[in-house]
Amino acid sequence: MTDLKALQTTLLFTEEDIKALRQSKAILADQTDAILDVWYGFVASTPELVHFFSDAKTGRPDGAYLEAVRKRFALWVLDTADANYDQKWLDWQYEIGLRHNRLKKNKTDRVPSVAQVNFRYIPALTIPVTTTLKPFLAKKDASAADVEKMHTAWVKAVLMQSILWSQPYIKDGEF
């Protein structure tokens, strides 16, 4: 937890960000399907990304795999908005990282997909995820200032998670 606190400090992640994330939950909770439609549309239109949901032999996207991941992705939106940074949450972030890496990818869903999500795409996805989220934050009665605070908190939270998910890709002692 000490390392997490240090990471949050480096990201300028504060109690205000936690409040903003929690405020976002009520705004986003009934919009997760629409959010995921946007995100999945981006993935589907980006061959470099849809590849990671494809059958390793045929190269075709696996619809059942995409749907299974989508359900977890919806929960991830709500989990991020909960902003509960305890040991259980931290352990889950490391597990998510493992599930993107060759150490555990495909095991949860028992699919014959490609071996891992290449590391470079994990932090890169911070931008499309958070940029496309902002309009959803503005769809309800939040002030422009509150939308900005929530969006900033989401950028920090998603970047923090992508950093934590990178742990299995980094040599021992270098994380």
N, C-alpha and C. Protein backbone atom coordinates (compact mmCIF):
# COMPACT_ATOMS: atom_id res chain seq x y z
N MET A 1 0.83 -1.20 0.00
CA MET A 1 0.00 0.00 0.00
C MET A 1 0.87 1.26 0.00
N THR A 2 2.07 1.14 0.56
CA THR A 2 2.99 2.28 0.56
C THR A 2 3.35 2.67 -0.86
N ASP A 3 3.61 1.67 -1.71
CA ASP A 3 3.93 1.96 -3.11
C ASP A 3 2.74 2.59 -3.84
N LEU A 4 1.53 2.15 -3.52
CA LEU A 4 0.34 2.74 -4.14
C LEU A 4 0.22 4.21 -3.74
N LYS A 5 0.41 4.50 -2.48
CA LYS A 5 0.34 5.90 -2.01
C LYS A 5 1.39 6.74 -2.72
N ALA A 6 2.60 6.20 -2.90
CA ALA A 6 3.66 6.94 -3.59
C ALA A 6 3.27 7.18 -5.05
N LEU A 7 2.66 6.19 -5.69
CA LEU A 7 2.21 6.35 -7.07
C LEU A 7 1.12 7.43 -7.15
N GLN A 8 0.18 7.39 -6.22
CA GLN A 8 -0.88 8.40 -6.20
C GLN A 8 -0.30 9.80 -6.02
N THR A 9 0.68 9.92 -5.16
CA THR A 9 1.33 11.22 -4.96
C THR A 9 1.98 11.70 -6.25
N THR A 10 2.66 10.80 -6.95
CA THR A 10 3.32 11.15 -8.21
C THR A 10 2.30 11.56 -9.27
N LEU A 11 1.13 10.96 -9.24
CA LEU A 11 0.06 11.29 -10.19
C LEU A 11 -0.75 12.52 -9.78
N LEU A 12 -0.38 13.14 -8.67
CA LEU A 12 -1.15 14.26 -8.10
C LEU A 12 -2.58 13.84 -7.80
N PHE A 13 -2.75 12.59 -7.42
CA PHE A 13 -4.05 12.01 -7.13
C PHE A 13 -4.37 12.29 -5.66
N THR A 14 -5.47 13.01 -5.42
CA THR A 14 -5.80 13.48 -4.08
C THR A 14 -7.19 13.01 -3.63
N GLU A 15 -7.54 13.39 -2.43
CA GLU A 15 -8.88 13.12 -1.91
C GLU A 15 -9.95 13.77 -2.79
N GLU A 16 -9.63 14.90 -3.38
CA GLU A 16 -10.57 15.56 -4.30
C GLU A 16 -10.86 14.68 -5.51
N ASP A 17 -9.84 13.98 -5.98
CA ASP A 17 -10.04 13.06 -7.10
C ASP A 17 -10.94 11.90 -6.69
N ILE A 18 -10.74 11.41 -5.48
CA ILE A 18 -11.60 10.33 -4.97
C ILE A 18 -13.05 10.80 -4.92
N LYS A 19 -13.27 12.00 -4.40
CA LYS A 19 -14.63 12.56 -4.35
C LYS A 19 -15.22 12.69 -5.76
N ALA A 20 -14.41 13.17 -6.69
CA ALA A 20 -14.88 13.35 -8.06
C ALA A 20 -15.22 12.01 -8.72
N LEU A 21 -14.40 11.00 -8.49
CA LEU A 21 -14.69 9.68 -9.03
C LEU A 21 -16.01 9.15 -8.47
N ARG A 22 -16.19 9.31 -7.18
CA ARG A 22 -17.42 8.81 -6.55
C ARG A 22 -18.63 9.59 -7.04
N GLN A 23 -18.46 10.87 -7.30
CA GLN A 23 -19.54 11.67 -7.88
C GLN A 23 -19.89 11.14 -9.27
N SER A 24 -18.90 10.69 -10.00
CA SER A 24 -19.13 10.21 -11.36
C SER A 24 -19.94 8.92 -11.41
N LYS A 25 -19.92 8.16 -10.34
CA LYS A 25 -20.61 6.87 -10.38
C LYS A 25 -22.10 7.02 -10.65
N ALA A 26 -22.73 7.96 -9.96
CA ALA A 26 -24.17 8.18 -10.17
C ALA A 26 -24.46 8.63 -11.60
N ILE A 27 -23.53 9.33 -12.19
CA ILE A 27 -23.70 9.82 -13.56
C ILE A 27 -23.49 8.70 -14.57
N LEU A 28 -22.52 7.84 -14.32
CA LEU A 28 -22.14 6.82 -15.30
C LEU A 28 -22.87 5.50 -15.16
N ALA A 29 -23.41 5.22 -13.98
CA ALA A 29 -23.95 3.88 -13.68
C ALA A 29 -24.97 3.39 -14.71
N ASP A 30 -25.86 4.26 -15.16
CA ASP A 30 -26.87 3.82 -16.12
C ASP A 30 -26.45 4.09 -17.57
N GLN A 31 -25.19 4.46 -17.76
CA GLN A 31 -24.68 4.72 -19.11
C GLN A 31 -23.59 3.72 -19.53
N THR A 32 -23.34 2.69 -18.71
CA THR A 32 -22.21 1.81 -19.02
C THR A 32 -22.35 1.13 -20.38
N ASP A 33 -23.56 0.72 -20.75
CA ASP A 33 -23.72 0.08 -22.06
C ASP A 33 -23.35 1.03 -23.19
N ALA A 34 -23.80 2.27 -23.09
CA ALA A 34 -23.48 3.26 -24.13
C ALA A 34 -21.98 3.57 -24.15
N ILE A 35 -21.37 3.65 -22.98
CA ILE A 35 -19.92 3.88 -22.90
C ILE A 35 -19.18 2.73 -23.57
N LEU A 36 -19.58 1.52 -23.24
CA LEU A 36 -18.92 0.35 -23.82
C LEU A 36 -19.17 0.24 -25.32
N ASP A 37 -20.31 0.71 -25.79
CA ASP A 37 -20.54 0.74 -27.23
C ASP A 37 -19.50 1.63 -27.91
N VAL A 38 -19.20 2.77 -27.31
CA VAL A 38 -18.19 3.67 -27.87
C VAL A 38 -16.82 3.01 -27.81
N TRP A 39 -16.46 2.47 -26.65
CA TRP A 39 -15.14 1.86 -26.50
C TRP A 39 -14.97 0.65 -27.41
N TYR A 40 -15.99 -0.18 -27.48
CA TYR A 40 -15.91 -1.36 -28.35
C TYR A 40 -15.90 -0.96 -29.82
N GLY A 41 -16.59 0.11 -30.16
CA GLY A 41 -16.53 0.62 -31.52
C GLY A 41 -15.11 1.04 -31.89
N PHE A 42 -14.44 1.68 -30.93
CA PHE A 42 -13.05 2.08 -31.16
C PHE A 42 -12.16 0.85 -31.33
N VAL A 43 -12.31 -0.13 -30.45
CA VAL A 43 -11.50 -1.35 -30.54
C VAL A 43 -11.77 -2.06 -31.87
N ALA A 44 -13.04 -2.20 -32.23
CA ALA A 44 -13.40 -2.90 -33.46
C ALA A 44 -12.86 -2.21 -34.71
N SER A 45 -12.73 -0.89 -34.64
CA SER A 45 -12.24 -0.14 -35.81
C SER A 45 -10.73 0.02 -35.82
N THR A 46 -10.07 -0.57 -34.83
CA THR A 46 -8.61 -0.46 -34.71
C THR A 46 -8.01 -1.86 -34.79
N PRO A 47 -7.53 -2.26 -35.96
CA PRO A 47 -7.01 -3.62 -36.12
C PRO A 47 -5.94 -4.00 -35.09
N GLU A 48 -5.14 -3.03 -34.69
CA GLU A 48 -4.10 -3.30 -33.70
C GLU A 48 -4.68 -3.74 -32.36
N LEU A 49 -5.92 -3.32 -32.07
CA LEU A 49 -6.56 -3.67 -30.79
C LEU A 49 -7.46 -4.89 -30.91
N VAL A 50 -8.26 -4.97 -31.96
CA VAL A 50 -9.17 -6.11 -32.10
C VAL A 50 -8.38 -7.41 -32.20
N HIS A 51 -7.15 -7.32 -32.65
CA HIS A 51 -6.25 -8.48 -32.73
C HIS A 51 -6.19 -9.24 -31.40
N PHE A 52 -6.22 -8.53 -30.28
CA PHE A 52 -6.07 -9.16 -28.97
C PHE A 52 -7.32 -9.91 -28.52
N PHE A 53 -8.40 -9.78 -29.29
CA PHE A 53 -9.63 -10.51 -29.03
C PHE A 53 -9.89 -11.55 -30.12
N SER A 54 -8.86 -11.83 -30.89
CA SER A 54 -9.01 -12.73 -32.03
C SER A 54 -8.48 -14.12 -31.73
N ASP A 55 -9.04 -15.09 -32.44
CA ASP A 55 -8.56 -16.46 -32.37
C ASP A 55 -7.13 -16.49 -32.92
N ALA A 56 -6.23 -17.10 -32.18
CA ALA A 56 -4.81 -17.11 -32.57
C ALA A 56 -4.58 -17.83 -33.90
N LYS A 57 -5.44 -18.81 -34.23
CA LYS A 57 -5.25 -19.57 -35.47
C LYS A 57 -5.93 -18.92 -36.67
N THR A 58 -7.16 -18.46 -36.48
CA THR A 58 -7.92 -17.93 -37.62
C THR A 58 -7.73 -16.43 -37.80
N GLY A 59 -7.39 -15.73 -36.73
CA GLY A 59 -7.27 -14.28 -36.80
C GLY A 59 -8.60 -13.55 -36.74
N ARG A 60 -9.69 -14.29 -36.62
CA ARG A 60 -11.02 -13.67 -36.56
C ARG A 60 -11.37 -13.31 -35.12
N PRO A 61 -12.03 -12.15 -34.92
CA PRO A 61 -12.47 -11.78 -33.57
C PRO A 61 -13.41 -12.84 -33.00
N ASP A 62 -13.27 -13.09 -31.71
CA ASP A 62 -14.07 -14.08 -31.00
C ASP A 62 -15.19 -13.34 -30.27
N GLY A 63 -16.40 -13.42 -30.81
CA GLY A 63 -17.54 -12.70 -30.25
C GLY A 63 -17.85 -13.07 -28.81
N ALA A 64 -17.77 -14.34 -28.48
CA ALA A 64 -18.05 -14.77 -27.10
C ALA A 64 -17.01 -14.20 -26.14
N TYR A 65 -15.77 -14.17 -26.57
CA TYR A 65 -14.70 -13.60 -25.75
C TYR A 65 -14.92 -12.10 -25.55
N LEU A 66 -15.25 -11.40 -26.63
CA LEU A 66 -15.53 -9.97 -26.53
C LEU A 66 -16.67 -9.70 -25.56
N GLU A 67 -17.70 -10.52 -25.60
CA GLU A 67 -18.86 -10.33 -24.71
C GLU A 67 -18.48 -10.60 -23.25
N ALA A 68 -17.70 -11.62 -23.00
CA ALA A 68 -17.27 -11.93 -21.63
C ALA A 68 -16.43 -10.78 -21.06
N VAL A 69 -15.54 -10.26 -21.88
CA VAL A 69 -14.70 -9.15 -21.43
C VAL A 69 -15.56 -7.90 -21.23
N ARG A 70 -16.54 -7.70 -22.07
CA ARG A 70 -17.41 -6.53 -21.96
C ARG A 70 -18.11 -6.49 -20.60
N LYS A 71 -18.58 -7.62 -20.13
CA LYS A 71 -19.24 -7.67 -18.81
C LYS A 71 -18.28 -7.23 -17.71
N ARG A 72 -17.04 -7.69 -17.79
CA ARG A 72 -16.05 -7.27 -16.79
C ARG A 72 -15.68 -5.80 -16.95
N PHE A 73 -15.68 -5.33 -18.17
CA PHE A 73 -15.36 -3.93 -18.45
C PHE A 73 -16.42 -3.02 -17.83
N ALA A 74 -17.69 -3.41 -17.90
CA ALA A 74 -18.77 -2.63 -17.28
C ALA A 74 -18.56 -2.56 -15.77
N LEU A 75 -18.18 -3.67 -15.17
CA LEU A 75 -17.89 -3.68 -13.73
C LEU A 75 -16.68 -2.81 -13.42
N TRP A 76 -15.70 -2.79 -14.31
CA TRP A 76 -14.50 -1.97 -14.12
C TRP A 76 -14.86 -0.49 -14.06
N VAL A 77 -15.80 -0.05 -14.90
CA VAL A 77 -16.23 1.36 -14.87
C VAL A 77 -16.75 1.70 -13.48
N LEU A 78 -17.62 0.86 -12.96
CA LEU A 78 -18.21 1.11 -11.64
C LEU A 78 -17.18 0.98 -10.53
N ASP A 79 -16.29 0.02 -10.65
CA ASP A 79 -15.22 -0.16 -9.67
C ASP A 79 -14.29 1.05 -9.64
N THR A 80 -13.97 1.58 -10.81
CA THR A 80 -13.13 2.77 -10.87
C THR A 80 -13.84 3.94 -10.20
N ALA A 81 -15.12 4.08 -10.45
CA ALA A 81 -15.88 5.16 -9.84
C ALA A 81 -16.06 4.98 -8.33
N ASP A 82 -16.01 3.76 -7.85
CA ASP A 82 -16.09 3.52 -6.40
C ASP A 82 -14.89 4.10 -5.67
N ALA A 83 -13.74 4.06 -6.31
CA ALA A 83 -12.50 4.64 -5.75
C ALA A 83 -12.19 4.13 -4.35
N ASN A 84 -12.26 2.82 -4.18
CA ASN A 84 -11.91 2.19 -2.90
C ASN A 84 -10.52 1.59 -3.03
N TYR A 85 -9.54 2.31 -2.55
CA TYR A 85 -8.15 1.91 -2.75
C TYR A 85 -7.61 1.17 -1.54
N ASP A 86 -8.06 -0.08 -1.39
CA ASP A 86 -7.59 -0.92 -0.30
C ASP A 86 -6.75 -2.06 -0.89
N GLN A 87 -6.30 -2.97 -0.04
CA GLN A 87 -5.45 -4.06 -0.50
C GLN A 87 -6.19 -4.98 -1.48
N LYS A 88 -7.47 -5.21 -1.23
CA LYS A 88 -8.25 -6.05 -2.14
C LYS A 88 -8.28 -5.43 -3.54
N TRP A 89 -8.50 -4.12 -3.60
CA TRP A 89 -8.50 -3.42 -4.89
C TRP A 89 -7.14 -3.53 -5.57
N LEU A 90 -6.08 -3.30 -4.80
CA LEU A 90 -4.73 -3.35 -5.36
C LEU A 90 -4.42 -4.75 -5.89
N ASP A 91 -4.77 -5.78 -5.12
CA ASP A 91 -4.55 -7.15 -5.58
C ASP A 91 -5.30 -7.42 -6.88
N TRP A 92 -6.52 -6.88 -6.98
CA TRP A 92 -7.30 -7.07 -8.20
C TRP A 92 -6.63 -6.38 -9.39
N GLN A 93 -6.03 -5.22 -9.18
CA GLN A 93 -5.33 -4.53 -10.28
C GLN A 93 -4.18 -5.39 -10.79
N TYR A 94 -3.44 -5.98 -9.88
CA TYR A 94 -2.34 -6.86 -10.30
C TYR A 94 -2.87 -8.09 -11.05
N GLU A 95 -4.02 -8.60 -10.62
CA GLU A 95 -4.64 -9.73 -11.33
C GLU A 95 -5.06 -9.31 -12.74
N ILE A 96 -5.62 -8.13 -12.88
CA ILE A 96 -5.99 -7.63 -14.21
C ILE A 96 -4.75 -7.56 -15.10
N GLY A 97 -3.65 -7.07 -14.55
CA GLY A 97 -2.40 -7.03 -15.31
C GLY A 97 -1.98 -8.41 -15.78
N LEU A 98 -2.06 -9.38 -14.89
CA LEU A 98 -1.70 -10.75 -15.26
C LEU A 98 -2.59 -11.28 -16.38
N ARG A 99 -3.87 -10.90 -16.35
CA ARG A 99 -4.81 -11.38 -17.37
C ARG A 99 -4.59 -10.74 -18.73
N HIS A 100 -3.80 -9.69 -18.78
CA HIS A 100 -3.42 -9.10 -20.07
C HIS A 100 -2.09 -9.67 -20.57
N ASN A 101 -1.33 -10.22 -19.66
CA ASN A 101 0.01 -10.73 -19.93
C ASN A 101 -0.06 -12.23 -20.26
N ARG A 102 0.98 -12.72 -20.91
CA ARG A 102 1.01 -14.14 -21.30
C ARG A 102 0.93 -15.07 -20.09
N LEU A 103 1.17 -14.57 -18.88
CA LEU A 103 1.10 -15.42 -17.70
C LEU A 103 -0.31 -15.94 -17.43
N LYS A 104 -1.36 -15.13 -17.76
CA LYS A 104 -2.73 -15.56 -17.47
C LYS A 104 -3.74 -15.24 -18.57
N LYS A 105 -3.33 -14.54 -19.62
CA LYS A 105 -4.31 -14.18 -20.65
C LYS A 105 -4.94 -15.46 -21.20
N ASN A 106 -6.21 -15.40 -21.42
CA ASN A 106 -7.02 -16.48 -22.00
C ASN A 106 -7.41 -17.56 -21.00
N LYS A 107 -6.83 -17.58 -19.83
CA LYS A 107 -7.15 -18.64 -18.86
C LYS A 107 -8.53 -18.45 -18.25
N THR A 108 -8.90 -17.22 -17.91
CA THR A 108 -10.20 -16.97 -17.30
C THR A 108 -11.34 -17.40 -18.22
N ASP A 109 -11.22 -17.05 -19.49
CA ASP A 109 -12.29 -17.34 -20.44
C ASP A 109 -12.05 -18.60 -21.26
N ARG A 110 -10.90 -19.24 -21.05
CA ARG A 110 -10.55 -20.47 -21.77
C ARG A 110 -10.74 -20.30 -23.28
N VAL A 111 -10.07 -19.29 -23.81
CA VAL A 111 -10.18 -19.02 -25.24
C VAL A 111 -8.83 -19.20 -25.92
N PRO A 112 -8.85 -19.53 -27.21
CA PRO A 112 -7.59 -19.71 -27.96
C PRO A 112 -7.14 -18.40 -28.63
N SER A 113 -7.12 -17.34 -27.87
CA SER A 113 -6.75 -16.04 -28.42
C SER A 113 -5.24 -15.86 -28.41
N VAL A 114 -4.79 -14.73 -28.91
CA VAL A 114 -3.36 -14.42 -28.92
C VAL A 114 -2.83 -14.42 -27.49
N ALA A 115 -1.54 -14.63 -27.34
CA ALA A 115 -0.93 -14.91 -26.03
C ALA A 115 -0.97 -13.76 -25.03
N GLN A 116 -0.90 -12.53 -25.51
CA GLN A 116 -0.92 -11.41 -24.56
C GLN A 116 -1.31 -10.14 -25.28
N VAL A 117 -1.72 -9.15 -24.49
CA VAL A 117 -1.89 -7.79 -24.99
C VAL A 117 -0.52 -7.14 -24.90
N ASN A 118 -0.02 -6.65 -26.01
CA ASN A 118 1.30 -6.03 -25.98
C ASN A 118 1.27 -4.81 -25.07
N PHE A 119 2.31 -4.68 -24.28
CA PHE A 119 2.37 -3.66 -23.24
C PHE A 119 2.04 -2.26 -23.74
N ARG A 120 2.56 -1.88 -24.89
CA ARG A 120 2.43 -0.49 -25.35
C ARG A 120 0.98 -0.04 -25.44
N TYR A 121 0.05 -0.97 -25.65
CA TYR A 121 -1.34 -0.59 -25.79
C TYR A 121 -2.03 -0.33 -24.44
N ILE A 122 -1.48 -0.85 -23.37
CA ILE A 122 -2.13 -0.68 -22.07
C ILE A 122 -2.11 0.79 -21.64
N PRO A 123 -0.95 1.44 -21.53
CA PRO A 123 -1.00 2.86 -21.17
C PRO A 123 -1.59 3.73 -22.28
N ALA A 124 -1.41 3.32 -23.54
CA ALA A 124 -1.95 4.12 -24.65
C ALA A 124 -3.46 4.23 -24.59
N LEU A 125 -4.14 3.20 -24.11
CA LEU A 125 -5.60 3.22 -24.05
C LEU A 125 -6.15 4.21 -23.03
N THR A 126 -5.30 4.75 -22.17
CA THR A 126 -5.74 5.78 -21.24
C THR A 126 -6.41 6.93 -22.00
N ILE A 127 -5.84 7.31 -23.12
CA ILE A 127 -6.35 8.47 -23.86
C ILE A 127 -7.72 8.20 -24.49
N PRO A 128 -7.90 7.16 -25.31
CA PRO A 128 -9.24 6.97 -25.87
C PRO A 128 -10.30 6.67 -24.81
N VAL A 129 -9.94 5.95 -23.77
CA VAL A 129 -10.92 5.64 -22.73
C VAL A 129 -11.38 6.91 -22.03
N THR A 130 -10.45 7.74 -21.61
CA THR A 130 -10.84 8.94 -20.84
C THR A 130 -11.37 10.06 -21.73
N THR A 131 -10.87 10.18 -22.94
CA THR A 131 -11.37 11.22 -23.84
C THR A 131 -12.82 10.96 -24.22
N THR A 132 -13.14 9.72 -24.53
CA THR A 132 -14.50 9.39 -24.93
C THR A 132 -15.45 9.31 -23.74
N LEU A 133 -14.92 9.24 -22.53
CA LEU A 133 -15.77 9.21 -21.34
C LEU A 133 -16.32 10.59 -20.99
N LYS A 134 -15.57 11.63 -21.31
CA LYS A 134 -15.94 12.98 -20.89
C LYS A 134 -17.36 13.38 -21.30
N PRO A 135 -17.80 13.13 -22.53
CA PRO A 135 -19.17 13.50 -22.88
C PRO A 135 -20.23 12.80 -22.01
N PHE A 136 -19.95 11.61 -21.56
CA PHE A 136 -20.88 10.90 -20.68
C PHE A 136 -20.95 11.56 -19.31
N LEU A 137 -19.84 12.09 -18.84
CA LEU A 137 -19.83 12.80 -17.56
C LEU A 137 -20.67 14.07 -17.63
N ALA A 138 -20.78 14.63 -18.83
CA ALA A 138 -21.51 15.89 -19.02
C ALA A 138 -22.99 15.70 -19.33
N LYS A 139 -23.46 14.46 -19.41
CA LYS A 139 -24.84 14.20 -19.84
C LYS A 139 -25.89 14.48 -18.77
N LYS A 140 -25.48 14.63 -17.55
CA LYS A 140 -26.47 14.86 -16.50
C LYS A 140 -26.31 16.29 -15.98
N ASP A 141 -26.73 16.57 -14.78
CA ASP A 141 -26.80 17.94 -14.30
C ASP A 141 -25.53 18.48 -13.64
N ALA A 142 -24.42 17.84 -13.81
CA ALA A 142 -23.18 18.33 -13.19
C ALA A 142 -22.74 19.63 -13.87
N SER A 143 -22.18 20.51 -13.07
CA SER A 143 -21.66 21.77 -13.62
C SER A 143 -20.44 21.48 -14.50
N ALA A 144 -20.10 22.44 -15.34
CA ALA A 144 -18.91 22.29 -16.19
C ALA A 144 -17.66 22.08 -15.34
N ALA A 145 -17.58 22.78 -14.22
CA ALA A 145 -16.42 22.63 -13.32
C ALA A 145 -16.37 21.22 -12.73
N ASP A 146 -17.53 20.69 -12.35
CA ASP A 146 -17.56 19.33 -11.81
C ASP A 146 -17.22 18.29 -12.88
N VAL A 147 -17.69 18.50 -14.10
CA VAL A 147 -17.35 17.59 -15.20
C VAL A 147 -15.84 17.58 -15.39
N GLU A 148 -15.22 18.75 -15.35
CA GLU A 148 -13.76 18.85 -15.50
C GLU A 148 -13.05 18.10 -14.37
N LYS A 149 -13.52 18.27 -13.14
CA LYS A 149 -12.91 17.58 -12.00
C LYS A 149 -13.05 16.06 -12.14
N MET A 150 -14.24 15.62 -12.53
CA MET A 150 -14.46 14.19 -12.69
C MET A 150 -13.58 13.64 -13.81
N HIS A 151 -13.51 14.36 -14.90
CA HIS A 151 -12.69 13.90 -16.03
C HIS A 151 -11.22 13.83 -15.63
N THR A 152 -10.73 14.84 -14.97
CA THR A 152 -9.33 14.84 -14.51
C THR A 152 -9.08 13.65 -13.59
N ALA A 153 -10.02 13.39 -12.69
CA ALA A 153 -9.87 12.25 -11.77
C ALA A 153 -9.86 10.94 -12.54
N TRP A 154 -10.69 10.82 -13.55
CA TRP A 154 -10.70 9.61 -14.37
C TRP A 154 -9.39 9.42 -15.12
N VAL A 155 -8.84 10.49 -15.66
CA VAL A 155 -7.54 10.38 -16.35
C VAL A 155 -6.49 9.84 -15.39
N LYS A 156 -6.44 10.41 -14.20
CA LYS A 156 -5.46 9.96 -13.20
C LYS A 156 -5.71 8.51 -12.79
N ALA A 157 -6.97 8.16 -12.56
CA ALA A 157 -7.31 6.81 -12.10
C ALA A 157 -7.00 5.76 -13.17
N VAL A 158 -7.32 6.06 -14.43
CA VAL A 158 -7.06 5.10 -15.50
C VAL A 158 -5.56 4.96 -15.73
N LEU A 159 -4.84 6.07 -15.70
CA LEU A 159 -3.39 5.98 -15.84
C LEU A 159 -2.79 5.19 -14.68
N MET A 160 -3.27 5.44 -13.46
CA MET A 160 -2.77 4.70 -12.31
C MET A 160 -3.00 3.19 -12.49
N GLN A 161 -4.19 2.83 -12.94
CA GLN A 161 -4.48 1.42 -13.14
C GLN A 161 -3.62 0.83 -14.25
N SER A 162 -3.43 1.56 -15.33
CA SER A 162 -2.61 1.02 -16.42
C SER A 162 -1.17 0.83 -15.96
N ILE A 163 -0.70 1.70 -15.08
CA ILE A 163 0.65 1.52 -14.51
C ILE A 163 0.68 0.25 -13.67
N LEU A 164 -0.32 0.05 -12.84
CA LEU A 164 -0.37 -1.15 -12.00
C LEU A 164 -0.50 -2.41 -12.86
N TRP A 165 -1.27 -2.34 -13.93
CA TRP A 165 -1.44 -3.49 -14.81
C TRP A 165 -0.14 -3.83 -15.54
N SER A 166 0.78 -2.89 -15.61
CA SER A 166 2.04 -3.13 -16.32
C SER A 166 3.03 -3.98 -15.52
N GLN A 167 2.76 -4.19 -14.25
CA GLN A 167 3.69 -4.89 -13.37
C GLN A 167 4.21 -6.22 -13.94
N PRO A 168 3.36 -7.10 -14.50
CA PRO A 168 3.91 -8.37 -14.99
C PRO A 168 4.80 -8.23 -16.23
N TYR A 169 4.77 -7.09 -16.87
CA TYR A 169 5.59 -6.87 -18.06
C TYR A 169 6.99 -6.38 -17.72
N ILE A 170 7.20 -6.01 -16.49
CA ILE A 170 8.45 -5.35 -16.09
C ILE A 170 9.31 -6.32 -15.30
N LYS A 171 10.60 -6.27 -15.56
CA LYS A 171 11.54 -7.17 -14.89
C LYS A 171 11.48 -6.99 -13.37
N ASP A 172 11.71 -8.10 -12.66
CA ASP A 172 11.73 -8.05 -11.20
C ASP A 172 12.68 -6.96 -10.73
N GLY A 173 12.22 -6.21 -9.74
CA GLY A 173 13.04 -5.16 -9.16
C GLY A 173 12.99 -3.84 -9.90
N GLU A 174 12.30 -3.79 -11.05
CA GLU A 174 12.24 -2.56 -11.84
C GLU A 174 10.87 -1.89 -11.82
N PHE A 175 9.88 -2.54 -11.23
CA PHE A 175 8.54 -1.95 -11.22
C PHE A 175 8.50 -0.79 -10.25
